[in-house]
Amino acid sequence: MGMKGKVALGAVVGIVVIGVVSANADGNGNGADGTGNTADKGSSTSAAQQPGTKKDSGGKAEASEKKKATFEGDGEFRVGSDIKPGTYRTTGNSDGMCYWERAKDASGEMDSILANDNVTGTSYVTVKATDKLFKSTGCKDWEAVAAGGSKRSSATGMDGDGGMFAVGPDIAPGTYRSTGNADASCYWERTKDADHGIDSIIANNNVTGTAVVTISAKDAYFKTSGCGDWKKTG
């Protein structure tokens, strides 16, 4: 696994065919369930209409809404038509081969990339209305998540290679400790959003040995890769 710098140097993290980041995940999060279930992309079959009655469009509308709220982990999706802008979550990525990309156009060129990442475990990504394309390869299904989450978590431990945790919905704020990290392979990051830009990073570090970090209630997410498991100490 390539070591990440203390501060990210650019939007490009790495294309899946070039390199990947480590593996993990429990696959039991509140987002996509990893079963491959997606909204029906075909036309639905409805019962014959009685003379003089209007066709039921509610089923199609509901299917359309579901399709935009949950989509497959493999594909290229047009923002606004295939998927809506918003924050999405993928979880259960255990082989480190999940790669996603936000793009400003469909040229496929490097300068079209707004942000990207190789995922282990869980990832959250905010797709903006100004984005044109969202690409996903080798990932579990993506599911839209409510802003801020629906409930607060009291979890006091994290898988050190679990990817991204939403502060509040996934983990409680506080001070956490991770031990036994060798060769600076442990990387952690506190972020203010899921845009994945340099401006998103509040603080980050590569760690050898023991790591201690205080996650604020004002933080949006905590990212951990290649670390020993984290336990809350205060």
C-alpha atoms as a PDB file:
ATOM      1  CA  MET A   1       0.000   0.000   0.000  1.00  0.00           C
ATOM      2  CA  GLY A   2       1.422   3.362  -0.974  1.00  0.00           C
ATOM      3  CA  MET A   3       1.910   5.668   2.004  1.00  0.00           C
ATOM      4  CA  LYS A   4      -0.182   8.776   1.980  1.00  0.00           C
ATOM      5  CA  GLY A   5       1.422  12.092   2.747  1.00  0.00           C
ATOM      6  CA  LYS A   6       0.606  14.169   5.796  1.00  0.00           C
ATOM      7  CA  VAL A   7      -1.311  16.521   3.561  1.00  0.00           C
ATOM      8  CA  ALA A   8      -2.791  15.353   0.275  1.00  0.00           C
ATOM      9  CA  LEU A   9      -0.990  16.852  -2.717  1.00  0.00           C
ATOM     10  CA  GLY A  10      -3.813  16.668  -5.207  1.00  0.00           C
ATOM     11  CA  ALA A  11      -7.219  15.319  -6.063  1.00  0.00           C
ATOM     12  CA  VAL A  12      -5.899  12.194  -7.751  1.00  0.00           C
ATOM     13  CA  VAL A  13      -5.425   9.333  -5.313  1.00  0.00           C
ATOM     14  CA  GLY A  14      -4.862   6.560  -7.805  1.00  0.00           C
ATOM     15  CA  ILE A  15      -6.711   4.769 -10.552  1.00  0.00           C
ATOM     16  CA  VAL A  16      -7.652   1.224  -9.704  1.00  0.00           C
ATOM     17  CA  VAL A  17      -5.556  -0.302 -12.472  1.00  0.00           C
ATOM     18  CA  ILE A  18      -2.461   1.480 -11.167  1.00  0.00           C
ATOM     19  CA  GLY A  19      -2.663   0.866  -7.452  1.00  0.00           C
ATOM     20  CA  VAL A  20      -5.000   0.234  -4.562  1.00  0.00           C
ATOM     21  CA  VAL A  21      -5.234   1.023  -0.889  1.00  0.00           C
ATOM     22  CA  SER A  22      -5.572  -1.806   1.704  1.00  0.00           C
ATOM     23  CA  ALA A  23      -8.592  -4.009   2.460  1.00  0.00           C
ATOM     24  CA  ASN A  24     -11.201  -4.381   5.198  1.00  0.00           C
ATOM     25  CA  ALA A  25     -14.810  -3.822   6.132  1.00  0.00           C
ATOM     26  CA  ASP A  26     -17.582  -5.310   8.128  1.00  0.00           C
ATOM     27  CA  GLY A  27     -20.290  -4.752   5.524  1.00  0.00           C
ATOM     28  CA  ASN A  28     -22.888  -4.128   8.210  1.00  0.00           C
ATOM     29  CA  GLY A  29     -23.252  -0.343   7.955  1.00  0.00           C
ATOM     30  CA  ASN A  30     -26.356   1.707   7.512  1.00  0.00           C
ATOM     31  CA  GLY A  31     -25.774   2.371   3.832  1.00  0.00           C
ATOM     32  CA  ALA A  32     -25.619  -0.006   0.853  1.00  0.00           C
ATOM     33  CA  ASP A  33     -26.076  -3.597   1.960  1.00  0.00           C
ATOM     34  CA  GLY A  34     -23.623  -5.080  -0.542  1.00  0.00           C
ATOM     35  CA  THR A  35     -26.183  -7.605  -1.811  1.00  0.00           C
ATOM     36  CA  GLY A  36     -26.229  -6.139  -5.300  1.00  0.00           C
ATOM     37  CA  ASN A  37     -29.897  -5.193  -5.038  1.00  0.00           C
ATOM     38  CA  THR A  38     -30.698  -2.109  -7.058  1.00  0.00           C
ATOM     39  CA  ALA A  39     -33.790  -0.378  -8.269  1.00  0.00           C
ATOM     40  CA  ASP A  40     -35.475  -1.946 -11.294  1.00  0.00           C
ATOM     41  CA  LYS A  41     -34.008  -0.301 -14.365  1.00  0.00           C
ATOM     42  CA  GLY A  42     -36.587  -1.767 -16.733  1.00  0.00           C
ATOM     43  CA  SER A  43     -40.208  -0.868 -17.244  1.00  0.00           C
ATOM     44  CA  SER A  44     -42.617  -2.293 -14.724  1.00  0.00           C
ATOM     45  CA  THR A  45     -45.612  -4.465 -15.631  1.00  0.00           C
ATOM     46  CA  SER A  46     -48.897  -3.120 -14.321  1.00  0.00           C
ATOM     47  CA  ALA A  47     -52.377  -4.569 -14.157  1.00  0.00           C
ATOM     48  CA  ALA A  48     -54.724  -3.844 -17.052  1.00  0.00           C
ATOM     49  CA  GLN A  49     -56.477  -0.518 -16.655  1.00  0.00           C
ATOM     50  CA  GLN A  50     -60.236  -0.356 -16.490  1.00  0.00           C
ATOM     51  CA  PRO A  51     -61.914   1.845 -19.083  1.00  0.00           C
ATOM     52  CA  GLY A  52     -62.035   5.436 -18.005  1.00  0.00           C
ATOM     53  CA  THR A  53     -59.336   5.126 -15.332  1.00  0.00           C
ATOM     54  CA  LYS A  54     -55.999   6.891 -15.377  1.00  0.00           C
ATOM     55  CA  LYS A  55     -52.784   4.945 -15.624  1.00  0.00           C
ATOM     56  CA  ASP A  56     -50.991   4.568 -12.325  1.00  0.00           C
ATOM     57  CA  SER A  57     -47.780   6.584 -12.582  1.00  0.00           C
ATOM     58  CA  GLY A  58     -46.970   6.322  -8.881  1.00  0.00           C
ATOM     59  CA  GLY A  59     -45.069   3.048  -9.267  1.00  0.00           C
ATOM     60  CA  LYS A  60     -42.819   4.408 -11.985  1.00  0.00           C
ATOM     61  CA  ALA A  61     -42.158   7.592 -10.036  1.00  0.00           C
ATOM     62  CA  GLU A  62     -41.249   5.574  -6.958  1.00  0.00           C
ATOM     63  CA  ALA A  63     -38.933   3.322  -8.972  1.00  0.00           C
ATOM     64  CA  SER A  64     -37.276   6.370 -10.508  1.00  0.00           C
ATOM     65  CA  GLU A  65     -36.675   7.916  -7.087  1.00  0.00           C
ATOM     66  CA  LYS A  66     -35.239   4.668  -5.758  1.00  0.00           C
ATOM     67  CA  LYS A  67     -32.934   4.322  -8.753  1.00  0.00           C
ATOM     68  CA  LYS A  68     -31.471   7.723  -8.066  1.00  0.00           C
ATOM     69  CA  ALA A  69     -31.077   6.982  -4.342  1.00  0.00           C
ATOM     70  CA  THR A  70     -29.361   3.614  -4.805  1.00  0.00           C
ATOM     71  CA  PHE A  71     -27.084   2.674  -7.683  1.00  0.00           C
ATOM     72  CA  GLU A  72     -24.600  -0.015  -8.601  1.00  0.00           C
ATOM     73  CA  GLY A  73     -20.933   0.002  -7.657  1.00  0.00           C
ATOM     74  CA  ASP A  74     -19.849  -0.464 -11.264  1.00  0.00           C
ATOM     75  CA  GLY A  75     -20.655   2.129 -13.888  1.00  0.00           C
ATOM     76  CA  GLU A  76     -20.528   5.731 -15.014  1.00  0.00           C
ATOM     77  CA  PHE A  77     -23.451   7.885 -13.936  1.00  0.00           C
ATOM     78  CA  ARG A  78     -24.557  11.288 -15.218  1.00  0.00           C
ATOM     79  CA  VAL A  79     -25.212  13.656 -12.359  1.00  0.00           C
ATOM     80  CA  GLY A  80     -28.727  15.073 -12.533  1.00  0.00           C
ATOM     81  CA  SER A  81     -30.153  12.428 -14.863  1.00  0.00           C
ATOM     82  CA  ASP A  82     -28.813   9.055 -13.702  1.00  0.00           C
ATOM     83  CA  ILE A  83     -28.204  10.053 -10.090  1.00  0.00           C
ATOM     84  CA  LYS A  84     -29.094  13.054  -7.990  1.00  0.00           C
ATOM     85  CA  PRO A  85     -26.530  15.277  -6.271  1.00  0.00           C
ATOM     86  CA  GLY A  86     -26.065  14.346  -2.630  1.00  0.00           C
ATOM     87  CA  THR A  87     -23.979  12.276  -0.240  1.00  0.00           C
ATOM     88  CA  TYR A  88     -23.664   8.561  -0.910  1.00  0.00           C
ATOM     89  CA  ARG A  89     -22.179   5.643   1.038  1.00  0.00           C
ATOM     90  CA  THR A  90     -20.627   2.348  -0.030  1.00  0.00           C
ATOM     91  CA  THR A  91     -19.635  -0.274   2.522  1.00  0.00           C
ATOM     92  CA  GLY A  92     -18.353  -3.843   2.679  1.00  0.00           C
ATOM     93  CA  ASN A  93     -15.471  -3.303   0.257  1.00  0.00           C
ATOM     94  CA  SER A  94     -13.098  -5.983   1.465  1.00  0.00           C
ATOM     95  CA  ASP A  95     -10.599  -6.416  -1.370  1.00  0.00           C
ATOM     96  CA  GLY A  96      -9.343  -2.852  -1.777  1.00  0.00           C
ATOM     97  CA  MET A  97     -10.400  -2.777  -5.434  1.00  0.00           C
ATOM     98  CA  CYS A  98     -13.216  -0.239  -5.073  1.00  0.00           C
ATOM     99  CA  TYR A  99     -12.405   2.960  -6.980  1.00  0.00           C
ATOM    100  CA  TRP A 100     -14.635   6.020  -7.382  1.00  0.00           C
ATOM    101  CA  GLU A 101     -14.244   9.322  -9.198  1.00  0.00           C
ATOM    102  CA  ARG A 102     -16.045  12.657  -9.398  1.00  0.00           C
ATOM    103  CA  ALA A 103     -15.496  14.268 -12.806  1.00  0.00           C
ATOM    104  CA  LYS A 104     -16.246  17.667 -14.321  1.00  0.00           C
ATOM    105  CA  ASP A 105     -16.821  16.159 -17.782  1.00  0.00           C
ATOM    106  CA  ALA A 106     -16.879  12.836 -19.614  1.00  0.00           C
ATOM    107  CA  SER A 107     -13.593  13.246 -21.475  1.00  0.00           C
ATOM    108  CA  GLY A 108     -11.850  10.611 -19.378  1.00  0.00           C
ATOM    109  CA  GLU A 109      -8.761  12.803 -19.148  1.00  0.00           C
ATOM    110  CA  MET A 110      -6.813  13.268 -15.938  1.00  0.00           C
ATOM    111  CA  ASP A 111      -7.641  16.965 -15.650  1.00  0.00           C
ATOM    112  CA  SER A 112     -11.348  16.137 -15.613  1.00  0.00           C
ATOM    113  CA  ILE A 113     -11.007  14.476 -12.195  1.00  0.00           C
ATOM    114  CA  LEU A 114     -12.350  16.569  -9.320  1.00  0.00           C
ATOM    115  CA  ALA A 115     -11.729  13.953  -6.607  1.00  0.00           C
ATOM    116  CA  ASN A 116     -11.184  10.209  -6.387  1.00  0.00           C
ATOM    117  CA  ASP A 117     -10.174   7.435  -4.020  1.00  0.00           C
ATOM    118  CA  ASN A 118      -9.433   3.746  -3.652  1.00  0.00           C
ATOM    119  CA  VAL A 119     -11.669   2.388  -0.904  1.00  0.00           C
ATOM    120  CA  THR A 120     -11.218  -0.145   1.833  1.00  0.00           C
ATOM    121  CA  GLY A 121     -14.254  -0.763   3.983  1.00  0.00           C
ATOM    122  CA  THR A 122     -16.600   2.213   3.823  1.00  0.00           C
ATOM    123  CA  SER A 123     -16.542   5.460   1.901  1.00  0.00           C
ATOM    124  CA  TYR A 124     -18.785   8.508   1.850  1.00  0.00           C
ATOM    125  CA  VAL A 125     -18.780  10.824  -1.168  1.00  0.00           C
ATOM    126  CA  THR A 126     -20.694  14.045  -1.764  1.00  0.00           C
ATOM    127  CA  VAL A 127     -21.647  14.388  -5.429  1.00  0.00           C
ATOM    128  CA  LYS A 128     -22.272  18.041  -6.265  1.00  0.00           C
ATOM    129  CA  ALA A 129     -24.795  19.493  -8.682  1.00  0.00           C
ATOM    130  CA  THR A 130     -21.893  20.984 -10.651  1.00  0.00           C
ATOM    131  CA  ASP A 131     -20.310  17.548 -11.165  1.00  0.00           C
ATOM    132  CA  LYS A 132     -21.026  16.005 -14.555  1.00  0.00           C
ATOM    133  CA  LEU A 133     -20.074  12.357 -14.033  1.00  0.00           C
ATOM    134  CA  PHE A 134     -19.599   9.907 -11.170  1.00  0.00           C
ATOM    135  CA  LYS A 135     -17.566   6.782 -11.892  1.00  0.00           C
ATOM    136  CA  SER A 136     -17.441   3.689  -9.715  1.00  0.00           C
ATOM    137  CA  THR A 137     -15.484   0.471 -10.281  1.00  0.00           C
ATOM    138  CA  GLY A 138     -15.423  -2.666  -8.146  1.00  0.00           C
ATOM    139  CA  CYS A 139     -17.451  -1.088  -5.343  1.00  0.00           C
ATOM    140  CA  LYS A 140     -20.445  -2.329  -3.412  1.00  0.00           C
ATOM    141  CA  ASP A 141     -23.709  -0.553  -4.218  1.00  0.00           C
ATOM    142  CA  TRP A 142     -24.016   3.122  -3.313  1.00  0.00           C
ATOM    143  CA  GLU A 143     -26.926   4.432  -1.244  1.00  0.00           C
ATOM    144  CA  ALA A 144     -27.918   8.012  -0.491  1.00  0.00           C
ATOM    145  CA  VAL A 145     -27.591   9.012   3.155  1.00  0.00           C
ATOM    146  CA  ALA A 146     -29.438  11.709   5.040  1.00  0.00           C
ATOM    147  CA  ALA A 147     -27.421  14.769   5.997  1.00  0.00           C
ATOM    148  CA  GLY A 148     -26.102  14.320   9.527  1.00  0.00           C
ATOM    149  CA  GLY A 149     -27.532  10.816   9.853  1.00  0.00           C
ATOM    150  CA  SER A 150     -30.799   9.803  11.454  1.00  0.00           C
ATOM    151  CA  LYS A 151     -29.410   8.920  14.877  1.00  0.00           C
ATOM    152  CA  ARG A 152     -26.343   9.320  17.050  1.00  0.00           C
ATOM    153  CA  SER A 153     -23.980   6.413  17.681  1.00  0.00           C
ATOM    154  CA  SER A 154     -22.342   5.595  20.995  1.00  0.00           C
ATOM    155  CA  ALA A 155     -19.701   3.368  19.374  1.00  0.00           C
ATOM    156  CA  THR A 156     -16.337   3.650  21.140  1.00  0.00           C
ATOM    157  CA  GLY A 157     -14.186   1.586  18.785  1.00  0.00           C
ATOM    158  CA  MET A 158     -13.279   1.503  15.097  1.00  0.00           C
ATOM    159  CA  ASP A 159     -11.676  -0.956  12.713  1.00  0.00           C
ATOM    160  CA  GLY A 160      -8.299   0.616  11.966  1.00  0.00           C
ATOM    161  CA  ASP A 161      -8.645  -0.296   8.290  1.00  0.00           C
ATOM    162  CA  GLY A 162     -12.346   0.447   8.090  1.00  0.00           C
ATOM    163  CA  GLY A 163     -12.280   3.473   5.812  1.00  0.00           C
ATOM    164  CA  MET A 164     -14.591   6.404   6.611  1.00  0.00           C
ATOM    165  CA  PHE A 165     -16.752   6.792   9.697  1.00  0.00           C
ATOM    166  CA  ALA A 166     -19.391   9.505  10.005  1.00  0.00           C
ATOM    167  CA  VAL A 167     -18.922  11.332  13.296  1.00  0.00           C
ATOM    168  CA  GLY A 168     -22.196  10.990  15.151  1.00  0.00           C
ATOM    169  CA  PRO A 169     -23.995   8.379  13.021  1.00  0.00           C
ATOM    170  CA  ASP A 170     -21.100   5.846  13.016  1.00  0.00           C
ATOM    171  CA  ILE A 171     -18.840   6.802  15.899  1.00  0.00           C
ATOM    172  CA  ALA A 172     -19.012   9.032  18.955  1.00  0.00           C
ATOM    173  CA  PRO A 173     -16.659  12.021  19.140  1.00  0.00           C
ATOM    174  CA  GLY A 174     -13.820  11.798  21.660  1.00  0.00           C
ATOM    175  CA  THR A 175     -10.165  10.819  21.978  1.00  0.00           C
ATOM    176  CA  TYR A 176      -9.126   7.543  20.351  1.00  0.00           C
ATOM    177  CA  ARG A 177      -5.921   5.481  20.535  1.00  0.00           C
ATOM    178  CA  SER A 178      -4.442   2.995  18.050  1.00  0.00           C
ATOM    179  CA  THR A 179      -1.351   0.889  18.861  1.00  0.00           C
ATOM    180  CA  GLY A 180       1.087  -1.389  17.071  1.00  0.00           C
ATOM    181  CA  ASN A 181       1.388   0.604  13.861  1.00  0.00           C
ATOM    182  CA  ALA A 182       4.545  -0.324  11.962  1.00  0.00           C
ATOM    183  CA  ASP A 183       6.439   1.517   9.209  1.00  0.00           C
ATOM    184  CA  ALA A 184       4.093   4.516   9.118  1.00  0.00           C
ATOM    185  CA  SER A 185       1.514   2.463   7.231  1.00  0.00           C
ATOM    186  CA  CYS A 186      -1.234   3.819   9.475  1.00  0.00           C
ATOM    187  CA  TYR A 187      -2.958   6.871   7.992  1.00  0.00           C
ATOM    188  CA  TRP A 188      -5.761   8.839   9.656  1.00  0.00           C
ATOM    189  CA  GLU A 189      -7.697  11.905   8.597  1.00  0.00           C
ATOM    190  CA  ARG A 190     -10.296  14.222  10.153  1.00  0.00           C
ATOM    191  CA  THR A 191     -12.501  15.945   7.586  1.00  0.00           C
ATOM    192  CA  LYS A 192     -15.170  18.623   7.529  1.00  0.00           C
ATOM    193  CA  ASP A 193     -17.103  17.084   4.607  1.00  0.00           C
ATOM    194  CA  ALA A 194     -17.099  14.241   2.065  1.00  0.00           C
ATOM    195  CA  ASP A 195     -15.897  16.307  -0.910  1.00  0.00           C
ATOM    196  CA  HIS A 196     -12.426  14.677  -0.675  1.00  0.00           C
ATOM    197  CA  GLY A 197     -10.590  17.855  -1.593  1.00  0.00           C
ATOM    198  CA  ILE A 198      -7.528  19.283   0.140  1.00  0.00           C
ATOM    199  CA  ASP A 199      -9.793  21.868   1.752  1.00  0.00           C
ATOM    200  CA  SER A 200     -11.841  19.042   3.264  1.00  0.00           C
ATOM    201  CA  ILE A 201      -8.968  17.945   5.520  1.00  0.00           C
ATOM    202  CA  ILE A 202      -8.945  19.328   9.050  1.00  0.00           C
ATOM    203  CA  ALA A 203      -5.945  17.253  10.162  1.00  0.00           C
ATOM    204  CA  ASN A 204      -4.168  14.053   9.092  1.00  0.00           C
ATOM    205  CA  ASN A 205      -1.055  12.004   9.781  1.00  0.00           C
ATOM    206  CA  ASN A 206       0.985   8.900   8.982  1.00  0.00           C
ATOM    207  CA  VAL A 207       1.820   7.057  12.188  1.00  0.00           C
ATOM    208  CA  THR A 208       4.445   4.620  13.401  1.00  0.00           C
ATOM    209  CA  GLY A 209       3.800   3.040  16.793  1.00  0.00           C
ATOM    210  CA  THR A 210       0.931   4.493  18.808  1.00  0.00           C
ATOM    211  CA  ALA A 211      -1.504   7.050  17.433  1.00  0.00           C
ATOM    212  CA  VAL A 212      -3.746   9.295  19.506  1.00  0.00           C
ATOM    213  CA  VAL A 213      -6.331  11.614  17.956  1.00  0.00           C
ATOM    214  CA  THR A 214      -9.230  13.656  19.304  1.00  0.00           C
ATOM    215  CA  ILE A 215     -12.262  13.611  17.029  1.00  0.00           C
ATOM    216  CA  SER A 216     -14.423  16.689  17.504  1.00  0.00           C
ATOM    217  CA  ALA A 217     -18.212  16.682  17.470  1.00  0.00           C
ATOM    218  CA  LYS A 218     -17.840  19.330  14.750  1.00  0.00           C
ATOM    219  CA  ASP A 219     -15.921  16.918  12.487  1.00  0.00           C
ATOM    220  CA  ALA A 220     -17.963  15.323   9.720  1.00  0.00           C
ATOM    221  CA  TYR A 221     -15.908  12.175   9.098  1.00  0.00           C
ATOM    222  CA  PHE A 222     -12.884  10.254  10.345  1.00  0.00           C
ATOM    223  CA  LYS A 223     -10.879   8.192   7.849  1.00  0.00           C
ATOM    224  CA  THR A 224      -8.500   5.401   8.871  1.00  0.00           C
ATOM    225  CA  SER A 225      -6.376   3.129   6.705  1.00  0.00           C
ATOM    226  CA  GLY A 226      -3.794   0.497   7.677  1.00  0.00           C
ATOM    227  CA  CYS A 227      -4.014   1.268  11.395  1.00  0.00           C
ATOM    228  CA  GLY A 228      -4.489  -0.898  14.426  1.00  0.00           C
ATOM    229  CA  ASP A 229      -8.013  -0.823  15.791  1.00  0.00           C
ATOM    230  CA  TRP A 230      -9.005   2.413  17.543  1.00  0.00           C
ATOM    231  CA  LYS A 231     -10.395   2.467  21.065  1.00  0.00           C
ATOM    232  CA  LYS A 232     -11.956   5.477  22.772  1.00  0.00           C
ATOM    233  CA  THR A 233      -9.965   6.649  25.804  1.00  0.00           C
ATOM    234  CA  GLY A 234     -11.764   9.857  26.675  1.00  0.00           C
END
